[in-house]
Amino acid sequence: MVVSEFIVINGLATQVLKYGAISTKAERKFLFLIIPGNPGVAEYYEHFMQVLYENSGKRVPVWAIAHTGHVSIPKEHSPTSQMDGHHLNKVCSLEGQIKNKVSFIDQYIPKDVSLIMIGHSIGCYMIIKVLEEIDQSRVHRCFLLFPTIERMKTSPNGIVATPIFKYLRWLITSFLYCSSYLSQPLKYKLLAWYFKDKNVNQCILNASMNLFDPLCASNAMYMAHQEMQTVDKLDVDLVQKHLSKLSFYYGQCDGWCPPEYYHDMRKTFFNGDIRLCEKGFSHAFVIDASQEMADTVWKWLHPSL
């Protein structure tokens, strides 16, 4: 059964989901650590986590750390009365989220645990940056799924999203502020209607409830706006430096990192572990392909354990 915890990182409560605990008896300890995309709600990955945990025979714990400020915080953990907007933006910025992940690893994961990090979308960019800040001996492998690590603003989706996040996010936040007064059952029914043709797992509906929280939505859009401005030119030297521990997985029809990005990566890093999806998974694989994606990652990883 999954366990949800809220821990304080850099002054703000951050959610961590856990399948399994780190063993104190195993000779060699491993931990899957999932870094989400945006919105960074860990619960989107619950089914993916469960399958991965079961594939390991429940021997390797699977944890996911949400992006700070993207999950509704229980009242007992709420710091809003003690924190000004400037500090909130700093902690919830793209750079702040990277620092939060480093702090979490340093403070909450024992140094004798070998990390298997799984990034999704902007989480892949964060992992590459995190690798610069932690002891390399702590990292066994990193899987970067549908990696938005370059040219986000000029990607097919980025061309459309950039002006929205720049000019309209305040309008969207105002709309969500009004919708936040709807009853919880009504919000849930709206989400069920939206996903009615997708046959989604329960965790997708639960995770999406956070988007009715204006503060969470605002933080997610603020970070997305920064992504468009920051994630531009690929840091070739940084990728090359950590290439031996990186495994990339690109989609065939991904509007955020289209197949041409995959082909460019293959040309630049011809000896890298860089794969193109052959199963038609979408960028938001957690909605309709969590089981299949978890099976793919496990088969990919298993020979190296």
Protein backbone atom coordinates (compact mmCIF):
# COMPACT_ATOMS: atom_id res chain seq x y z
CA MET A 1 0.00 0.00 0.00
CA VAL A 2 1.22 3.48 -0.87
CA VAL A 3 2.18 5.84 1.96
CA SER A 4 1.85 9.61 1.61
CA GLU A 5 4.03 11.90 3.71
CA PHE A 6 4.56 15.64 3.84
CA ILE A 7 8.07 16.75 4.71
CA VAL A 8 9.46 20.26 5.01
CA ILE A 9 12.05 21.24 2.40
CA ASN A 10 13.42 24.77 2.30
CA GLY A 11 10.52 26.00 4.42
CA LEU A 12 7.64 24.43 2.48
CA ALA A 13 5.78 21.14 2.92
CA THR A 14 6.42 18.75 0.03
CA GLN A 15 4.61 15.48 -0.61
CA VAL A 16 6.48 12.19 -0.93
CA LEU A 17 4.70 8.99 -1.99
CA LYS A 18 6.26 5.68 -0.99
CA TYR A 19 5.85 2.08 -2.00
CA GLY A 20 8.07 0.16 0.39
CA ALA A 21 10.72 1.22 2.88
CA ILE A 22 14.49 1.16 2.59
CA SER A 23 15.82 -2.08 4.05
CA THR A 24 18.29 -1.91 6.90
CA LYS A 25 19.42 -5.50 6.35
CA ALA A 26 20.10 -5.78 2.61
CA GLU A 27 23.76 -5.96 1.63
CA ARG A 28 23.16 -3.58 -1.26
CA LYS A 29 20.25 -1.18 -1.10
CA PHE A 30 18.45 0.29 -4.11
CA LEU A 31 15.73 2.92 -4.34
CA PHE A 32 13.63 4.09 -7.28
CA LEU A 33 13.17 7.86 -7.01
CA ILE A 34 10.67 9.42 -9.42
CA ILE A 35 10.91 13.09 -10.39
CA PRO A 36 7.60 14.16 -12.01
CA GLY A 37 6.82 16.32 -14.98
CA ASN A 38 4.64 19.41 -14.73
CA PRO A 39 2.24 19.56 -12.95
CA GLY A 40 4.44 17.82 -10.42
CA VAL A 41 1.77 15.89 -8.55
CA ALA A 42 3.31 12.63 -7.35
CA GLU A 43 -0.04 10.84 -7.26
CA TYR A 44 -0.17 10.83 -11.08
CA TYR A 45 2.57 8.20 -10.89
CA GLU A 46 0.96 5.96 -8.26
CA HIS A 47 -0.06 3.16 -10.64
CA PHE A 48 3.33 3.33 -12.39
CA MET A 49 5.01 3.08 -8.98
CA GLN A 50 2.89 0.14 -7.91
CA VAL A 51 3.69 -1.88 -11.03
CA LEU A 52 7.40 -1.08 -10.75
CA TYR A 53 7.40 -2.11 -7.09
CA GLU A 54 5.64 -5.38 -7.85
CA ASN A 55 7.98 -6.09 -10.78
CA SER A 56 10.90 -5.93 -8.34
CA GLY A 57 9.21 -8.54 -6.18
CA LYS A 58 8.63 -5.74 -3.66
CA ARG A 59 12.36 -5.76 -2.94
CA VAL A 60 13.17 -2.30 -4.32
CA PRO A 61 11.17 0.57 -2.78
CA VAL A 62 9.68 3.12 -5.16
CA TRP A 63 9.33 6.72 -4.00
CA ALA A 64 8.11 9.83 -5.81
CA ILE A 65 8.71 13.38 -4.65
CA ALA A 66 6.19 15.99 -5.79
CA HIS A 67 7.23 19.43 -6.92
CA THR A 68 6.94 21.80 -4.00
CA GLY A 69 3.75 23.85 -4.19
CA HIS A 70 2.04 21.61 -6.78
CA VAL A 71 0.06 19.56 -4.25
CA SER A 72 -2.60 20.91 -1.90
CA ILE A 73 -1.05 21.07 1.55
CA PRO A 74 -3.00 19.91 4.61
CA LYS A 75 -3.81 22.79 6.94
CA GLU A 76 -1.47 21.52 9.65
CA HIS A 77 1.47 21.87 7.21
CA SER A 78 0.45 25.14 5.58
CA PRO A 79 3.16 27.84 5.85
CA THR A 80 1.40 30.59 3.88
CA SER A 81 0.92 32.82 6.92
CA GLN A 82 4.67 32.81 7.56
CA MET A 83 6.01 33.07 4.01
CA ASP A 84 5.95 36.02 1.63
CA GLY A 85 5.28 35.73 -2.09
CA HIS A 86 8.92 36.34 -3.07
CA HIS A 87 10.19 33.39 -1.04
CA LEU A 88 7.32 31.22 -2.26
CA ASN A 89 8.20 31.97 -5.90
CA LYS A 90 11.87 31.31 -5.22
CA VAL A 91 11.25 27.90 -3.66
CA CYS A 92 8.70 26.92 -6.34
CA SER A 93 10.74 28.16 -9.31
CA LEU A 94 12.42 25.73 -11.68
CA GLU A 95 15.77 26.34 -10.02
CA GLY A 96 14.15 26.09 -6.59
CA GLN A 97 12.59 22.72 -7.44
CA ILE A 98 16.01 21.38 -8.42
CA LYS A 99 17.45 22.55 -5.10
CA ASN A 100 14.53 20.92 -3.30
CA LYS A 101 15.35 17.55 -4.89
CA VAL A 102 19.00 17.85 -3.89
CA SER A 103 17.99 18.74 -0.33
CA PHE A 104 15.63 15.77 -0.19
CA ILE A 105 18.31 13.33 -1.34
CA ASP A 106 20.87 14.74 1.10
CA GLN A 107 18.52 14.85 4.09
CA TYR A 108 16.19 11.89 3.67
CA ILE A 109 18.00 9.16 1.71
CA PRO A 110 20.82 7.25 3.44
CA LYS A 111 24.19 7.52 1.71
CA ASP A 112 24.55 3.75 1.33
CA VAL A 113 21.47 3.57 -0.92
CA SER A 114 22.00 3.28 -4.69
CA LEU A 115 19.58 5.60 -6.46
CA ILE A 116 17.70 4.63 -9.61
CA MET A 117 16.20 7.95 -10.65
CA ILE A 118 13.30 8.11 -13.10
CA GLY A 119 12.49 11.48 -14.59
CA HIS A 120 9.48 12.36 -16.70
CA SER A 121 9.35 15.40 -18.97
CA ILE A 122 10.85 18.40 -17.07
CA GLY A 123 11.82 15.94 -14.33
CA CYS A 124 14.51 14.72 -16.74
CA TYR A 125 16.02 18.20 -16.91
CA MET A 126 15.98 18.32 -13.12
CA ILE A 127 17.77 14.97 -12.83
CA ILE A 128 20.60 16.09 -15.10
CA LYS A 129 21.03 19.19 -12.94
CA VAL A 130 20.75 17.18 -9.70
CA LEU A 131 23.59 14.92 -10.86
CA GLU A 132 25.89 17.94 -10.65
CA GLU A 133 25.05 18.47 -6.98
CA ILE A 134 25.21 15.00 -5.43
CA ASP A 135 27.86 12.34 -4.97
CA GLN A 136 28.00 10.31 -8.20
CA SER A 137 28.69 7.10 -6.33
CA ARG A 138 25.13 7.30 -4.97
CA VAL A 139 23.57 6.97 -8.44
CA HIS A 140 23.14 3.59 -10.11
CA ARG A 141 21.12 4.65 -13.17
CA CYS A 142 18.82 7.38 -14.45
CA PHE A 143 15.91 6.83 -16.83
CA LEU A 144 14.74 9.95 -18.64
CA LEU A 145 11.25 9.38 -20.06
CA PHE A 146 10.01 11.76 -22.76
CA PRO A 147 12.79 14.19 -21.80
CA THR A 148 12.17 17.93 -22.15
CA ILE A 149 15.82 18.92 -21.85
CA GLU A 150 16.11 21.26 -24.83
CA ARG A 151 14.25 23.59 -27.21
CA MET A 152 11.00 23.62 -25.26
CA LYS A 153 9.84 27.02 -26.53
CA THR A 154 10.29 26.03 -30.18
CA SER A 155 8.77 22.56 -29.88
CA PRO A 156 5.31 22.13 -31.47
CA ASN A 157 3.62 22.33 -28.06
CA GLY A 158 5.93 25.06 -26.83
CA ILE A 159 5.01 27.39 -29.69
CA VAL A 160 1.40 27.27 -28.51
CA ALA A 161 2.03 27.12 -24.75
CA THR A 162 4.65 29.88 -24.41
CA PRO A 163 2.29 32.86 -24.95
CA ILE A 164 -0.38 31.18 -22.80
CA PHE A 165 1.96 30.80 -19.84
CA LYS A 166 3.34 34.30 -20.38
CA TYR A 167 0.13 36.29 -20.87
CA LEU A 168 -2.87 34.21 -19.79
CA ARG A 169 -1.83 32.32 -16.69
CA TRP A 170 -3.32 35.02 -14.43
CA LEU A 171 -6.66 34.64 -16.22
CA ILE A 172 -6.53 30.85 -15.83
CA THR A 173 -5.67 31.21 -12.15
CA SER A 174 -8.66 33.54 -11.66
CA PHE A 175 -10.95 30.99 -13.29
CA LEU A 176 -9.59 28.24 -11.05
CA TYR A 177 -10.02 30.48 -8.02
CA CYS A 178 -13.73 30.70 -8.83
CA SER A 179 -13.98 26.95 -9.49
CA SER A 180 -12.30 26.23 -6.14
CA TYR A 181 -15.62 27.11 -4.46
CA LEU A 182 -17.35 24.17 -6.11
CA SER A 183 -18.04 21.20 -3.86
CA GLN A 184 -15.53 18.34 -3.85
CA PRO A 185 -18.07 15.87 -5.34
CA LEU A 186 -18.83 18.28 -8.19
CA LYS A 187 -15.14 18.82 -8.94
CA TYR A 188 -14.67 15.06 -9.02
CA LYS A 189 -17.63 14.63 -11.38
CA LEU A 190 -16.18 17.24 -13.73
CA LEU A 191 -12.89 15.35 -13.85
CA ALA A 192 -14.65 12.02 -14.36
CA TRP A 193 -16.53 13.57 -17.29
CA TYR A 194 -13.30 14.96 -18.77
CA PHE A 195 -11.55 11.58 -18.60
CA LYS A 196 -14.64 9.49 -19.44
CA ASP A 197 -13.24 8.15 -22.73
CA LYS A 198 -9.77 7.35 -21.39
CA ASN A 199 -10.52 4.66 -18.78
CA VAL A 200 -7.98 6.17 -16.39
CA ASN A 201 -6.79 4.77 -13.09
CA GLN A 202 -8.30 6.24 -9.92
CA CYS A 203 -4.99 7.94 -9.06
CA ILE A 204 -5.29 10.21 -12.13
CA LEU A 205 -8.60 11.62 -10.91
CA ASN A 206 -7.28 12.03 -7.37
CA ALA A 207 -4.12 13.76 -8.59
CA SER A 208 -6.06 16.10 -10.88
CA MET A 209 -8.11 17.39 -7.94
CA ASN A 210 -5.01 19.41 -6.99
CA LEU A 211 -5.48 21.50 -10.14
CA PHE A 212 -8.59 23.07 -8.60
CA ASP A 213 -6.31 24.62 -5.96
CA PRO A 214 -5.46 28.09 -7.38
CA LEU A 215 -2.11 28.22 -5.59
CA CYS A 216 -1.04 24.82 -6.94
CA ALA A 217 -2.13 25.71 -10.46
CA SER A 218 -0.41 29.08 -10.25
CA ASN A 219 2.86 27.49 -9.09
CA ALA A 220 2.69 24.91 -11.90
CA MET A 221 2.10 27.56 -14.56
CA TYR A 222 4.79 29.82 -13.11
CA MET A 223 7.29 26.97 -13.38
CA ALA A 224 6.07 26.14 -16.89
CA HIS A 225 6.67 29.75 -17.94
CA GLN A 226 10.22 29.48 -16.62
CA GLU A 227 10.72 26.20 -18.46
CA MET A 228 9.93 27.87 -21.78
CA GLN A 229 12.56 30.54 -21.10
CA THR A 230 15.25 28.34 -19.51
CA VAL A 231 15.17 24.95 -21.25
CA ASP A 232 16.52 25.97 -24.63
CA LYS A 233 19.96 24.94 -25.81
CA LEU A 234 21.00 21.41 -24.88
CA ASP A 235 23.87 21.34 -22.39
CA VAL A 236 25.97 18.90 -24.41
CA ASP A 237 28.92 18.95 -22.01
CA LEU A 238 26.73 18.18 -18.99
CA VAL A 239 24.96 15.30 -20.74
CA GLN A 240 28.27 13.91 -21.96
CA LYS A 241 29.71 14.10 -18.46
CA HIS A 242 26.94 11.88 -17.05
CA LEU A 243 26.12 9.89 -20.19
CA SER A 244 27.20 6.52 -18.76
CA LYS A 245 24.40 6.74 -16.17
CA LEU A 246 21.69 8.16 -18.43
CA SER A 247 19.07 6.25 -20.44
CA PHE A 248 16.73 8.26 -22.69
CA TYR A 249 13.27 7.28 -23.95
CA TYR A 250 11.63 9.40 -26.66
CA GLY A 251 8.09 9.24 -28.06
CA GLN A 252 7.19 8.89 -31.72
CA CYS A 253 4.48 11.56 -31.59
CA ASP A 254 5.53 13.89 -28.79
CA GLY A 255 4.77 17.57 -29.15
CA TRP A 256 7.25 18.52 -26.40
CA CYS A 257 10.25 16.53 -27.60
CA PRO A 258 9.49 15.37 -31.16
CA PRO A 259 11.34 12.50 -32.91
CA GLU A 260 13.78 14.93 -34.53
CA TYR A 261 15.14 15.62 -31.02
CA TYR A 262 15.73 11.87 -30.64
CA HIS A 263 17.60 11.68 -33.96
CA ASP A 264 19.70 14.71 -33.03
CA MET A 265 20.57 13.09 -29.70
CA ARG A 266 21.59 9.87 -31.45
CA LYS A 267 23.90 11.82 -33.74
CA THR A 268 25.44 13.80 -30.88
CA PHE A 269 25.76 10.89 -28.43
CA PHE A 270 26.16 7.92 -30.78
CA ASN A 271 27.29 5.66 -27.91
CA GLY A 272 24.47 6.69 -25.54
CA ASP A 273 21.54 4.57 -24.37
CA ILE A 274 18.89 6.46 -26.34
CA ARG A 275 15.70 4.74 -27.47
CA LEU A 276 12.62 5.64 -29.47
CA CYS A 277 9.25 4.30 -28.29
CA GLU A 278 7.87 1.57 -30.57
CA LYS A 279 4.56 1.21 -28.71
CA GLY A 280 2.93 4.57 -29.32
CA PHE A 281 3.01 5.82 -25.73
CA SER A 282 2.01 9.46 -25.32
CA HIS A 283 4.06 12.11 -23.52
CA ALA A 284 1.58 11.91 -20.61
CA PHE A 285 2.04 8.14 -20.33
CA VAL A 286 0.69 8.10 -16.77
CA ILE A 287 -2.82 8.64 -18.11
CA ASP A 288 -3.06 5.54 -20.28
CA ALA A 289 0.17 3.51 -20.20
CA SER A 290 1.51 3.36 -16.62
CA GLN A 291 1.51 -0.45 -16.58
CA GLU A 292 3.30 -0.75 -19.93
CA MET A 293 5.83 1.97 -19.16
CA ALA A 294 6.70 0.44 -15.78
CA ASP A 295 7.19 -2.96 -17.45
CA THR A 296 9.43 -1.34 -20.07
CA VAL A 297 11.62 0.40 -17.48
CA TRP A 298 11.93 -2.76 -15.39
CA LYS A 299 13.04 -4.88 -18.38
CA TRP A 300 15.47 -2.15 -19.32
CA LEU A 301 16.95 -1.98 -15.83
CA HIS A 302 16.81 -5.57 -14.62
CA PRO A 303 20.00 -6.88 -16.29
CA SER A 304 22.08 -4.22 -14.49
CA LEU A 305 20.85 -5.09 -10.97
